[in-house]
Amino acid sequence: MKVSKHAPGHCQCKYCHQYRDGVRAHFIGGFTAGGLAPVPLYLQKSSACLQGKKISAGLVLRMLGIVQTEISPISDARGTGTYKRLLLGQLIKAHFFTLFENIKINGLMNG
């Protein structure tokens, strides 16, 4: 199990992966997000969207849409709800850039 953390307390990805032809191909794991609820929130639907599937930019973008339905950040001294939604999306993209080198970066940069 590998843990990738780009901003402790904000987004965490725990995953295992399968290799296909020497390339990380399938996601098995889950995502949590902090700073959006009193305790870190396990993104159950978003994580389920990826389970056992071949990772692609399109799948990650679909998952990011599901993430937005699972969170309801409030505006406070640390930022607006809109900013927190954007930040979480960017942090999740950063995880996939790091963990799955075969993802086409251009596909995620436009989403």
PDB file of N, CA and C in Angstrom:
ATOM      1  N   MET A   1       0.855  -1.170   0.000  1.00  0.00           N
ATOM      2  CA  MET A   1       0.000   0.000   0.000  1.00  0.00           C
ATOM      3  C   MET A   1       0.894   1.223   0.000  1.00  0.00           C
ATOM      4  N   LYS A   2       0.665   2.135  -0.894  1.00  0.00           N
ATOM      5  CA  LYS A   2       1.425   3.378  -0.978  1.00  0.00           C
ATOM      6  C   LYS A   2       0.504   4.517  -0.609  1.00  0.00           C
ATOM      7  N   VAL A   3       1.032   5.490   0.090  1.00  0.00           N
ATOM      8  CA  VAL A   3       0.258   6.671   0.451  1.00  0.00           C
ATOM      9  C   VAL A   3       0.911   7.868  -0.203  1.00  0.00           C
ATOM     10  N   SER A   4       0.142   8.613  -0.945  1.00  0.00           N
ATOM     11  CA  SER A   4       0.633   9.835  -1.561  1.00  0.00           C
ATOM     12  C   SER A   4      -0.028  11.006  -0.861  1.00  0.00           C
ATOM     13  N   LYS A   5       0.763  11.954  -0.387  1.00  0.00           N
ATOM     14  CA  LYS A   5       0.211  13.121   0.278  1.00  0.00           C
ATOM     15  C   LYS A   5       0.815  14.363  -0.353  1.00  0.00           C
ATOM     16  N   HIS A   6      -0.029  15.200  -0.953  1.00  0.00           N
ATOM     17  CA  HIS A   6       0.464  16.456  -1.515  1.00  0.00           C
ATOM     18  C   HIS A   6       0.233  17.605  -0.560  1.00  0.00           C
ATOM     19  N   ALA A   7      -0.780  17.545   0.261  1.00  0.00           N
ATOM     20  CA  ALA A   7      -1.059  18.586   1.250  1.00  0.00           C
ATOM     21  C   ALA A   7      -1.667  17.888   2.465  1.00  0.00           C
ATOM     22  N   PRO A   8      -0.834  17.537   3.453  1.00  0.00           N
ATOM     23  CA  PRO A   8      -1.361  16.816   4.605  1.00  0.00           C
ATOM     24  C   PRO A   8      -2.580  17.518   5.192  1.00  0.00           C
ATOM     25  N   GLY A   9      -3.594  16.730   5.494  1.00  0.00           N
ATOM     26  CA  GLY A   9      -4.810  17.279   6.052  1.00  0.00           C
ATOM     27  C   GLY A   9      -5.809  17.734   5.007  1.00  0.00           C
ATOM     28  N   HIS A  10      -5.446  17.708   3.745  1.00  0.00           N
ATOM     29  CA  HIS A  10      -6.372  18.146   2.709  1.00  0.00           C
ATOM     30  C   HIS A  10      -6.813  17.020   1.787  1.00  0.00           C
ATOM     31  N   CYS A  11      -5.900  16.210   1.349  1.00  0.00           N
ATOM     32  CA  CYS A  11      -6.254  15.137   0.426  1.00  0.00           C
ATOM     33  C   CYS A  11      -5.252  14.012   0.593  1.00  0.00           C
ATOM     34  N   GLN A  12      -5.744  12.808   0.673  1.00  0.00           N
ATOM     35  CA  GLN A  12      -4.852  11.663   0.810  1.00  0.00           C
ATOM     36  C   GLN A  12      -5.386  10.538  -0.060  1.00  0.00           C
ATOM     37  N   CYS A  13      -4.470   9.877  -0.713  1.00  0.00           N
ATOM     38  CA  CYS A  13      -4.817   8.745  -1.564  1.00  0.00           C
ATOM     39  C   CYS A  13      -4.043   7.537  -1.061  1.00  0.00           C
ATOM     40  N   LYS A  14      -4.757   6.475  -0.739  1.00  0.00           N
ATOM     41  CA  LYS A  14      -4.115   5.203  -0.414  1.00  0.00           C
ATOM     42  C   LYS A  14      -4.476   4.244  -1.529  1.00  0.00           C
ATOM     43  N   TYR A  15      -3.486   3.593  -2.072  1.00  0.00           N
ATOM     44  CA  TYR A  15      -3.777   2.745  -3.216  1.00  0.00           C
ATOM     45  C   TYR A  15      -2.801   1.578  -3.322  1.00  0.00           C
ATOM     46  N   CYS A  16      -3.235   0.606  -4.050  1.00  0.00           N
ATOM     47  CA  CYS A  16      -2.386  -0.469  -4.555  1.00  0.00           C
ATOM     48  C   CYS A  16      -2.554  -0.389  -6.067  1.00  0.00           C
ATOM     49  N   HIS A  17      -1.644  -0.918  -6.793  1.00  0.00           N
ATOM     50  CA  HIS A  17      -1.804  -0.871  -8.236  1.00  0.00           C
ATOM     51  C   HIS A  17      -1.379  -2.188  -8.855  1.00  0.00           C
ATOM     52  N   GLN A  18      -1.865  -2.392 -10.032  1.00  0.00           N
ATOM     53  CA  GLN A  18      -1.484  -3.559 -10.812  1.00  0.00           C
ATOM     54  C   GLN A  18      -0.658  -3.069 -11.987  1.00  0.00           C
ATOM     55  N   TYR A  19       0.338  -3.844 -12.350  1.00  0.00           N
ATOM     56  CA  TYR A  19       1.154  -3.493 -13.501  1.00  0.00           C
ATOM     57  C   TYR A  19       0.706  -4.285 -14.715  1.00  0.00           C
ATOM     58  N   ARG A  20       0.708  -3.646 -15.843  1.00  0.00           N
ATOM     59  CA  ARG A  20       0.423  -4.302 -17.097  1.00  0.00           C
ATOM     60  C   ARG A  20       1.500  -3.837 -18.077  1.00  0.00           C
ATOM     61  N   ASP A  21       2.299  -4.734 -18.555  1.00  0.00           N
ATOM     62  CA  ASP A  21       3.410  -4.406 -19.456  1.00  0.00           C
ATOM     63  C   ASP A  21       4.360  -3.385 -18.832  1.00  0.00           C
ATOM     64  N   GLY A  22       4.591  -3.514 -17.533  1.00  0.00           N
ATOM     65  CA  GLY A  22       5.524  -2.634 -16.842  1.00  0.00           C
ATOM     66  C   GLY A  22       4.988  -1.248 -16.529  1.00  0.00           C
ATOM     67  N   VAL A  23       3.690  -1.012 -16.760  1.00  0.00           N
ATOM     68  CA  VAL A  23       3.093   0.303 -16.521  1.00  0.00           C
ATOM     69  C   VAL A  23       1.975   0.154 -15.499  1.00  0.00           C
ATOM     70  N   ARG A  24       1.907   1.073 -14.545  1.00  0.00           N
ATOM     71  CA  ARG A  24       0.787   1.054 -13.599  1.00  0.00           C
ATOM     72  C   ARG A  24      -0.499   1.220 -14.387  1.00  0.00           C
ATOM     73  N   ALA A  25      -1.447   0.359 -14.152  1.00  0.00           N
ATOM     74  CA  ALA A  25      -2.630   0.385 -14.997  1.00  0.00           C
ATOM     75  C   ALA A  25      -3.943   0.515 -14.244  1.00  0.00           C
ATOM     76  N   HIS A  26      -4.117  -0.179 -13.145  1.00  0.00           N
ATOM     77  CA  HIS A  26      -5.411  -0.232 -12.477  1.00  0.00           C
ATOM     78  C   HIS A  26      -5.322   0.320 -11.060  1.00  0.00           C
ATOM     79  N   PHE A  27      -6.393   0.970 -10.628  1.00  0.00           N
ATOM     80  CA  PHE A  27      -6.455   1.588  -9.311  1.00  0.00           C
ATOM     81  C   PHE A  27      -7.211   0.680  -8.351  1.00  0.00           C
ATOM     82  N   ILE A  28      -6.646   0.456  -7.195  1.00  0.00           N
ATOM     83  CA  ILE A  28      -7.345  -0.250  -6.112  1.00  0.00           C
ATOM     84  C   ILE A  28      -7.015   0.539  -4.856  1.00  0.00           C
ATOM     85  N   GLY A  29      -7.965   1.271  -4.318  1.00  0.00           N
ATOM     86  CA  GLY A  29      -7.681   2.091  -3.144  1.00  0.00           C
ATOM     87  C   GLY A  29      -8.799   3.057  -2.861  1.00  0.00           C
ATOM     88  N   GLY A  30      -8.454   4.188  -2.270  1.00  0.00           N
ATOM     89  CA  GLY A  30      -9.474   5.157  -1.928  1.00  0.00           C
ATOM     90  C   GLY A  30      -8.905   6.532  -1.647  1.00  0.00           C
ATOM     91  N   PHE A  31      -9.794   7.518  -1.576  1.00  0.00           N
ATOM     92  CA  PHE A  31      -9.429   8.901  -1.316  1.00  0.00           C
ATOM     93  C   PHE A  31     -10.118   9.414  -0.068  1.00  0.00           C
ATOM     94  N   THR A  32      -9.403  10.221   0.696  1.00  0.00           N
ATOM     95  CA  THR A  32      -9.994  10.962   1.801  1.00  0.00           C
ATOM     96  C   THR A  32      -9.658  12.430   1.604  1.00  0.00           C
ATOM     97  N   ALA A  33     -10.489  13.288   2.176  1.00  0.00           N
ATOM     98  CA  ALA A  33     -10.252  14.731   2.089  1.00  0.00           C
ATOM     99  C   ALA A  33     -10.495  15.344   3.459  1.00  0.00           C
ATOM    100  N   GLY A  34      -9.590  16.198   3.879  1.00  0.00           N
ATOM    101  CA  GLY A  34      -9.727  16.909   5.145  1.00  0.00           C
ATOM    102  C   GLY A  34     -10.041  18.372   4.888  1.00  0.00           C
ATOM    103  N   GLY A  35     -10.449  19.056   5.937  1.00  0.00           N
ATOM    104  CA  GLY A  35     -10.757  20.477   5.822  1.00  0.00           C
ATOM    105  C   GLY A  35     -12.101  20.753   5.178  1.00  0.00           C
ATOM    106  N   LEU A  36     -12.892  19.718   4.948  1.00  0.00           N
ATOM    107  CA  LEU A  36     -14.201  19.882   4.319  1.00  0.00           C
ATOM    108  C   LEU A  36     -15.331  19.454   5.243  1.00  0.00           C
ATOM    109  N   ALA A  37     -14.972  18.894   6.375  1.00  0.00           N
ATOM    110  CA  ALA A  37     -15.941  18.392   7.350  1.00  0.00           C
ATOM    111  C   ALA A  37     -15.223  18.373   8.705  1.00  0.00           C
ATOM    112  N   PRO A  38     -15.964  18.153   9.795  1.00  0.00           N
ATOM    113  CA  PRO A  38     -15.301  18.119  11.110  1.00  0.00           C
ATOM    114  C   PRO A  38     -14.195  17.068  11.219  1.00  0.00           C
ATOM    115  N   VAL A  39     -14.330  15.981  10.504  1.00  0.00           N
ATOM    116  CA  VAL A  39     -13.296  14.938  10.469  1.00  0.00           C
ATOM    117  C   VAL A  39     -13.000  14.646   8.993  1.00  0.00           C
ATOM    118  N   PRO A  40     -11.818  14.089   8.682  1.00  0.00           N
ATOM    119  CA  PRO A  40     -11.540  13.756   7.274  1.00  0.00           C
ATOM    120  C   PRO A  40     -12.657  12.903   6.676  1.00  0.00           C
ATOM    121  N   LEU A  41     -12.983  13.201   5.462  1.00  0.00           N
ATOM    122  CA  LEU A  41     -14.113  12.585   4.770  1.00  0.00           C
ATOM    123  C   LEU A  41     -13.611  11.534   3.791  1.00  0.00           C
ATOM    124  N   TYR A  42     -14.094  10.301   3.928  1.00  0.00           N
ATOM    125  CA  TYR A  42     -13.770   9.252   2.953  1.00  0.00           C
ATOM    126  C   TYR A  42     -14.685   9.448   1.762  1.00  0.00           C
ATOM    127  N   LEU A  43     -14.116   9.611   0.594  1.00  0.00           N
ATOM    128  CA  LEU A  43     -14.880   9.850  -0.629  1.00  0.00           C
ATOM    129  C   LEU A  43     -15.289   8.502  -1.228  1.00  0.00           C
ATOM    130  N   GLN A  44     -16.351   7.951  -0.673  1.00  0.00           N
ATOM    131  CA  GLN A  44     -16.769   6.589  -0.992  1.00  0.00           C
ATOM    132  C   GLN A  44     -17.190   6.416  -2.447  1.00  0.00           C
ATOM    133  N   LYS A  45     -18.064   7.266  -2.945  1.00  0.00           N
ATOM    134  CA  LYS A  45     -18.540   7.124  -4.330  1.00  0.00           C
ATOM    135  C   LYS A  45     -17.418   7.395  -5.326  1.00  0.00           C
ATOM    136  N   SER A  46     -16.600   8.386  -5.021  1.00  0.00           N
ATOM    137  CA  SER A  46     -15.486   8.713  -5.909  1.00  0.00           C
ATOM    138  C   SER A  46     -14.484   7.570  -5.971  1.00  0.00           C
ATOM    139  N   SER A  47     -14.175   6.997  -4.822  1.00  0.00           N
ATOM    140  CA  SER A  47     -13.241   5.878  -4.767  1.00  0.00           C
ATOM    141  C   SER A  47     -13.804   4.671  -5.502  1.00  0.00           C
ATOM    142  N   ALA A  48     -15.098   4.403  -5.318  1.00  0.00           N
ATOM    143  CA  ALA A  48     -15.739   3.258  -5.972  1.00  0.00           C
ATOM    144  C   ALA A  48     -15.724   3.401  -7.490  1.00  0.00           C
ATOM    145  N   CYS A  49     -15.795   4.622  -7.973  1.00  0.00           N
ATOM    146  CA  CYS A  49     -15.786   4.891  -9.421  1.00  0.00           C
ATOM    147  C   CYS A  49     -14.513   4.360 -10.077  1.00  0.00           C
ATOM    148  N   LEU A  50     -13.413   4.315  -9.328  1.00  0.00           N
ATOM    149  CA  LEU A  50     -12.111   3.943  -9.889  1.00  0.00           C
ATOM    150  C   LEU A  50     -11.735   2.481  -9.679  1.00  0.00           C
ATOM    151  N   GLN A  51     -12.390   1.799  -8.757  1.00  0.00           N
ATOM    152  CA  GLN A  51     -11.955   0.472  -8.336  1.00  0.00           C
ATOM    153  C   GLN A  51     -11.783  -0.500  -9.489  1.00  0.00           C
ATOM    154  N   GLY A  52     -10.558  -1.004  -9.619  1.00  0.00           N
ATOM    155  CA  GLY A  52     -10.256  -2.045 -10.590  1.00  0.00           C
ATOM    156  C   GLY A  52     -10.277  -1.606 -12.041  1.00  0.00           C
ATOM    157  N   LYS A  53     -10.428  -0.300 -12.276  1.00  0.00           N
ATOM    158  CA  LYS A  53     -10.517   0.180 -13.649  1.00  0.00           C
ATOM    159  C   LYS A  53      -9.164   0.675 -14.134  1.00  0.00           C
ATOM    160  N   LYS A  54      -8.988   0.631 -15.443  1.00  0.00           N
ATOM    161  CA  LYS A  54      -7.778   1.170 -16.044  1.00  0.00           C
ATOM    162  C   LYS A  54      -7.851   2.689 -15.943  1.00  0.00           C
ATOM    163  N   ILE A  55      -6.808   3.280 -15.396  1.00  0.00           N
ATOM    164  CA  ILE A  55      -6.789   4.711 -15.179  1.00  0.00           C
ATOM    165  C   ILE A  55      -6.532   5.451 -16.489  1.00  0.00           C
ATOM    166  N   SER A  56      -7.380   6.440 -16.751  1.00  0.00           N
ATOM    167  CA  SER A  56      -7.230   7.295 -17.928  1.00  0.00           C
ATOM    168  C   SER A  56      -7.638   8.700 -17.524  1.00  0.00           C
ATOM    169  N   ALA A  57      -7.291   9.678 -18.345  1.00  0.00           N
ATOM    170  CA  ALA A  57      -7.679  11.059 -18.051  1.00  0.00           C
ATOM    171  C   ALA A  57      -9.201  11.180 -17.986  1.00  0.00           C
ATOM    172  N   GLY A  58      -9.902  10.511 -18.890  1.00  0.00           N
ATOM    173  CA  GLY A  58     -11.361  10.566 -18.893  1.00  0.00           C
ATOM    174  C   GLY A  58     -11.976  10.009 -17.616  1.00  0.00           C
ATOM    175  N   LEU A  59     -11.427   8.903 -17.119  1.00  0.00           N
ATOM    176  CA  LEU A  59     -11.944   8.310 -15.889  1.00  0.00           C
ATOM    177  C   LEU A  59     -11.681   9.231 -14.698  1.00  0.00           C
ATOM    178  N   VAL A  60     -10.516   9.829 -14.656  1.00  0.00           N
ATOM    179  CA  VAL A  60     -10.204  10.754 -13.558  1.00  0.00           C
ATOM    180  C   VAL A  60     -11.137  11.959 -13.602  1.00  0.00           C
ATOM    181  N   LEU A  61     -11.406  12.484 -14.778  1.00  0.00           N
ATOM    182  CA  LEU A  61     -12.328  13.619 -14.888  1.00  0.00           C
ATOM    183  C   LEU A  61     -13.741  13.232 -14.441  1.00  0.00           C
ATOM    184  N   ARG A  62     -14.177  12.024 -14.788  1.00  0.00           N
ATOM    185  CA  ARG A  62     -15.485  11.542 -14.324  1.00  0.00           C
ATOM    186  C   ARG A  62     -15.497  11.457 -12.803  1.00  0.00           C
ATOM    187  N   MET A  63     -14.409  10.923 -12.230  1.00  0.00           N
ATOM    188  CA  MET A  63     -14.296  10.807 -10.780  1.00  0.00           C
ATOM    189  C   MET A  63     -14.325  12.187 -10.118  1.00  0.00           C
ATOM    190  N   LEU A  64     -13.670  13.178 -10.732  1.00  0.00           N
ATOM    191  CA  LEU A  64     -13.673  14.525 -10.166  1.00  0.00           C
ATOM    192  C   LEU A  64     -15.081  15.112 -10.114  1.00  0.00           C
ATOM    193  N   GLY A  65     -15.910  14.783 -11.092  1.00  0.00           N
ATOM    194  CA  GLY A  65     -17.311  15.214 -11.056  1.00  0.00           C
ATOM    195  C   GLY A  65     -18.053  14.595  -9.887  1.00  0.00           C
ATOM    196  N   ILE A  66     -17.775  13.331  -9.607  1.00  0.00           N
ATOM    197  CA  ILE A  66     -18.406  12.655  -8.473  1.00  0.00           C
ATOM    198  C   ILE A  66     -17.926  13.259  -7.156  1.00  0.00           C
ATOM    199  N   VAL A  67     -16.635  13.582  -7.090  1.00  0.00           N
ATOM    200  CA  VAL A  67     -16.086  14.219  -5.882  1.00  0.00           C
ATOM    201  C   VAL A  67     -16.920  15.449  -5.531  1.00  0.00           C
ATOM    202  N   GLN A  68     -17.235  16.256  -6.533  1.00  0.00           N
ATOM    203  CA  GLN A  68     -17.963  17.499  -6.272  1.00  0.00           C
ATOM    204  C   GLN A  68     -19.356  17.259  -5.696  1.00  0.00           C
ATOM    205  N   THR A  69     -19.941  16.084  -5.948  1.00  0.00           N
ATOM    206  CA  THR A  69     -21.255  15.773  -5.372  1.00  0.00           C
ATOM    207  C   THR A  69     -21.135  15.259  -3.941  1.00  0.00           C
ATOM    208  N   GLU A  70     -19.943  14.805  -3.558  1.00  0.00           N
ATOM    209  CA  GLU A  70     -19.745  14.233  -2.226  1.00  0.00           C
ATOM    210  C   GLU A  70     -19.324  15.251  -1.171  1.00  0.00           C
ATOM    211  N   ILE A  71     -18.888  16.413  -1.603  1.00  0.00           N
ATOM    212  CA  ILE A  71     -18.402  17.396  -0.639  1.00  0.00           C
ATOM    213  C   ILE A  71     -19.334  18.597  -0.584  1.00  0.00           C
ATOM    214  N   SER A  72     -19.335  19.275   0.536  1.00  0.00           N
ATOM    215  CA  SER A  72     -20.098  20.525   0.682  1.00  0.00           C
ATOM    216  C   SER A  72     -19.308  21.463   1.587  1.00  0.00           C
ATOM    217  N   PRO A  73     -18.187  21.982   1.048  1.00  0.00           N
ATOM    218  CA  PRO A  73     -17.337  22.845   1.864  1.00  0.00           C
ATOM    219  C   PRO A  73     -18.021  24.174   2.180  1.00  0.00           C
ATOM    220  N   ILE A  74     -17.717  24.700   3.343  1.00  0.00           N
ATOM    221  CA  ILE A  74     -18.248  25.996   3.736  1.00  0.00           C
ATOM    222  C   ILE A  74     -17.168  27.057   3.541  1.00  0.00           C
ATOM    223  N   SER A  75     -17.594  28.270   3.365  1.00  0.00           N
ATOM    224  CA  SER A  75     -16.660  29.391   3.321  1.00  0.00           C
ATOM    225  C   SER A  75     -16.312  29.777   4.749  1.00  0.00           C
ATOM    226  N   ASP A  76     -15.034  29.972   5.014  1.00  0.00           N
ATOM    227  CA  ASP A  76     -14.586  30.390   6.338  1.00  0.00           C
ATOM    228  C   ASP A  76     -13.283  31.165   6.189  1.00  0.00           C
ATOM    229  N   ALA A  77     -12.578  31.356   7.291  1.00  0.00           N
ATOM    230  CA  ALA A  77     -11.339  32.133   7.277  1.00  0.00           C
ATOM    231  C   ALA A  77     -10.267  31.494   6.402  1.00  0.00           C
ATOM    232  N   ARG A  78     -10.362  30.188   6.153  1.00  0.00           N
ATOM    233  CA  ARG A  78      -9.348  29.491   5.348  1.00  0.00           C
ATOM    234  C   ARG A  78      -9.636  29.519   3.854  1.00  0.00           C
ATOM    235  N   GLY A  79     -10.813  29.971   3.477  1.00  0.00           N
ATOM    236  CA  GLY A  79     -11.121  30.061   2.053  1.00  0.00           C
ATOM    237  C   GLY A  79     -12.609  29.901   1.789  1.00  0.00           C
ATOM    238  N   THR A  80     -12.995  30.258   0.588  1.00  0.00           N
ATOM    239  CA  THR A  80     -14.396  30.103   0.194  1.00  0.00           C
ATOM    240  C   THR A  80     -14.680  28.643  -0.149  1.00  0.00           C
ATOM    241  N   GLY A  81     -15.932  28.297  -0.148  1.00  0.00           N
ATOM    242  CA  GLY A  81     -16.311  26.944  -0.552  1.00  0.00           C
ATOM    243  C   GLY A  81     -15.874  26.652  -1.975  1.00  0.00           C
ATOM    244  N   THR A  82     -15.978  27.657  -2.846  1.00  0.00           N
ATOM    245  CA  THR A  82     -15.555  27.497  -4.239  1.00  0.00           C
ATOM    246  C   THR A  82     -14.063  27.214  -4.326  1.00  0.00           C
ATOM    247  N   TYR A  83     -13.277  27.953  -3.556  1.00  0.00           N
ATOM    248  CA  TYR A  83     -11.831  27.738  -3.546  1.00  0.00           C
ATOM    249  C   TYR A  83     -11.500  26.326  -3.059  1.00  0.00           C
ATOM    250  N   LYS A  84     -12.169  25.865  -2.005  1.00  0.00           N
ATOM    251  CA  LYS A  84     -11.893  24.536  -1.457  1.00  0.00           C
ATOM    252  C   LYS A  84     -12.253  23.442  -2.458  1.00  0.00           C
ATOM    253  N   ARG A  85     -13.328  23.629  -3.216  1.00  0.00           N
ATOM    254  CA  ARG A  85     -13.685  22.664  -4.264  1.00  0.00           C
ATOM    255  C   ARG A  85     -12.591  22.601  -5.327  1.00  0.00           C
ATOM    256  N   LEU A  86     -12.129  23.766  -5.771  1.00  0.00           N
ATOM    257  CA  LEU A  86     -11.079  23.831  -6.780  1.00  0.00           C
ATOM    258  C   LEU A  86      -9.794  23.205  -6.259  1.00  0.00           C
ATOM    259  N   LEU A  87      -9.418  23.526  -5.026  1.00  0.00           N
ATOM    260  CA  LEU A  87      -8.187  22.997  -4.437  1.00  0.00           C
ATOM    261  C   LEU A  87      -8.217  21.475  -4.370  1.00  0.00           C
ATOM    262  N   LEU A  88      -9.329  20.906  -3.909  1.00  0.00           N
ATOM    263  CA  LEU A  88      -9.413  19.447  -3.821  1.00  0.00           C
ATOM    264  C   LEU A  88      -9.268  18.817  -5.202  1.00  0.00           C
ATOM    265  N   GLY A  89      -9.919  19.383  -6.198  1.00  0.00           N
ATOM    266  CA  GLY A  89      -9.797  18.852  -7.556  1.00  0.00           C
ATOM    267  C   GLY A  89      -8.356  18.882  -8.048  1.00  0.00           C
ATOM    268  N   GLN A  90      -7.660  19.979  -7.784  1.00  0.00           N
ATOM    269  CA  GLN A  90      -6.271  20.099  -8.212  1.00  0.00           C
ATOM    270  C   GLN A  90      -5.376  19.116  -7.458  1.00  0.00           C
ATOM    271  N   LEU A  91      -5.623  18.919  -6.172  1.00  0.00           N
ATOM    272  CA  LEU A  91      -4.825  17.967  -5.394  1.00  0.00           C
ATOM    273  C   LEU A  91      -5.026  16.539  -5.902  1.00  0.00           C
ATOM    274  N   ILE A  92      -6.249  16.199  -6.232  1.00  0.00           N
ATOM    275  CA  ILE A  92      -6.512  14.855  -6.756  1.00  0.00           C
ATOM    276  C   ILE A  92      -5.806  14.671  -8.098  1.00  0.00           C
ATOM    277  N   LYS A  93      -5.866  15.668  -8.967  1.00  0.00           N
ATOM    278  CA  LYS A  93      -5.138  15.581 -10.240  1.00  0.00           C
ATOM    279  C   LYS A  93      -3.648  15.362  -9.995  1.00  0.00           C
ATOM    280  N   ALA A  94      -3.098  16.078  -9.012  1.00  0.00           N
ATOM    281  CA  ALA A  94      -1.668  15.944  -8.698  1.00  0.00           C
ATOM    282  C   ALA A  94      -1.333  14.516  -8.274  1.00  0.00           C
ATOM    283  N   HIS A  95      -2.232  13.874  -7.526  1.00  0.00           N
ATOM    284  CA  HIS A  95      -2.010  12.477  -7.155  1.00  0.00           C
ATOM    285  C   HIS A  95      -1.884  11.604  -8.398  1.00  0.00           C
ATOM    286  N   PHE A  96      -2.783  11.793  -9.348  1.00  0.00           N
ATOM    287  CA  PHE A  96      -2.769  10.948 -10.538  1.00  0.00           C
ATOM    288  C   PHE A  96      -1.566  11.231 -11.426  1.00  0.00           C
ATOM    289  N   PHE A  97      -1.117  12.488 -11.496  1.00  0.00           N
ATOM    290  CA  PHE A  97       0.109  12.785 -12.245  1.00  0.00           C
ATOM    291  C   PHE A  97       1.283  12.036 -11.643  1.00  0.00           C
ATOM    292  N   THR A  98       1.322  11.970 -10.312  1.00  0.00           N
ATOM    293  CA  THR A  98       2.427  11.337  -9.601  1.00  0.00           C
ATOM    294  C   THR A  98       2.346   9.818  -9.650  1.00  0.00           C
ATOM    295  N   LEU A  99       1.165   9.284  -9.459  1.00  0.00           N
ATOM    296  CA  LEU A  99       1.011   7.842  -9.285  1.00  0.00           C
ATOM    297  C   LEU A  99       0.887   7.066 -10.587  1.00  0.00           C
ATOM    298  N   PHE A 100       0.364   7.669 -11.617  1.00  0.00           N
ATOM    299  CA  PHE A 100       0.122   6.974 -12.881  1.00  0.00           C
ATOM    300  C   PHE A 100       0.763   7.765 -14.008  1.00  0.00           C
ATOM    301  N   GLU A 101       2.027   7.470 -14.272  1.00  0.00           N
ATOM    302  CA  GLU A 101       2.796   8.221 -15.252  1.00  0.00           C
ATOM    303  C   GLU A 101       2.217   8.133 -16.656  1.00  0.00           C
ATOM    304  N   ASN A 102       1.422   7.110 -16.922  1.00  0.00           N
ATOM    305  CA  ASN A 102       0.905   6.901 -18.278  1.00  0.00           C
ATOM    306  C   ASN A 102      -0.310   7.764 -18.605  1.00  0.00           C
ATOM    307  N   ILE A 103      -0.828   8.531 -17.656  1.00  0.00           N
ATOM    308  CA  ILE A 103      -1.969   9.400 -17.928  1.00  0.00           C
ATOM    309  C   ILE A 103      -1.519  10.561 -18.818  1.00  0.00           C
ATOM    310  N   LYS A 104      -2.304  10.875 -19.789  1.00  0.00           N
ATOM    311  CA  LYS A 104      -2.018  12.004 -20.663  1.00  0.00           C
ATOM    312  C   LYS A 104      -2.300  13.294 -19.884  1.00  0.00           C
ATOM    313  N   ILE A 105      -1.264  14.021 -19.570  1.00  0.00           N
ATOM    314  CA  ILE A 105      -1.405  15.219 -18.746  1.00  0.00           C
ATOM    315  C   ILE A 105      -2.325  16.231 -19.417  1.00  0.00           C
ATOM    316  N   ASN A 106      -2.243  16.370 -20.725  1.00  0.00           N
ATOM    317  CA  ASN A 106      -3.098  17.349 -21.414  1.00  0.00           C
ATOM    318  C   ASN A 106      -4.567  17.063 -21.188  1.00  0.00           C
ATOM    319  N   GLY A 107      -4.939  15.804 -21.105  1.00  0.00           N
ATOM    320  CA  GLY A 107      -6.334  15.453 -20.869  1.00  0.00           C
ATOM    321  C   GLY A 107      -6.846  15.933 -19.528  1.00  0.00           C
ATOM    322  N   LEU A 108      -5.977  15.976 -18.528  1.00  0.00           N
ATOM    323  CA  LEU A 108      -6.391  16.444 -17.202  1.00  0.00           C
ATOM    324  C   LEU A 108      -6.248  17.953 -17.060  1.00  0.00           C
ATOM    325  N   MET A 109      -5.332  18.548 -17.767  1.00  0.00           N
ATOM    326  CA  MET A 109      -5.111  19.990 -17.632  1.00  0.00           C
ATOM    327  C   MET A 109      -6.317  20.771 -18.165  1.00  0.00           C
ATOM    328  N   ASN A 110      -7.023  20.204 -19.130  1.00  0.00           N
ATOM    329  CA  ASN A 110      -8.146  20.903 -19.720  1.00  0.00           C
ATOM    330  C   ASN A 110      -9.445  20.695 -18.944  1.00  0.00           C
ATOM    331  N   GLY A 111      -9.457  19.709 -18.011  1.00  0.00           N
ATOM    332  CA  GLY A 111     -10.679  19.388 -17.275  1.00  0.00           C
ATOM    333  C   GLY A 111     -10.808  20.110 -15.974  1.00  0.00           C
TER     334      GLY A 111
END
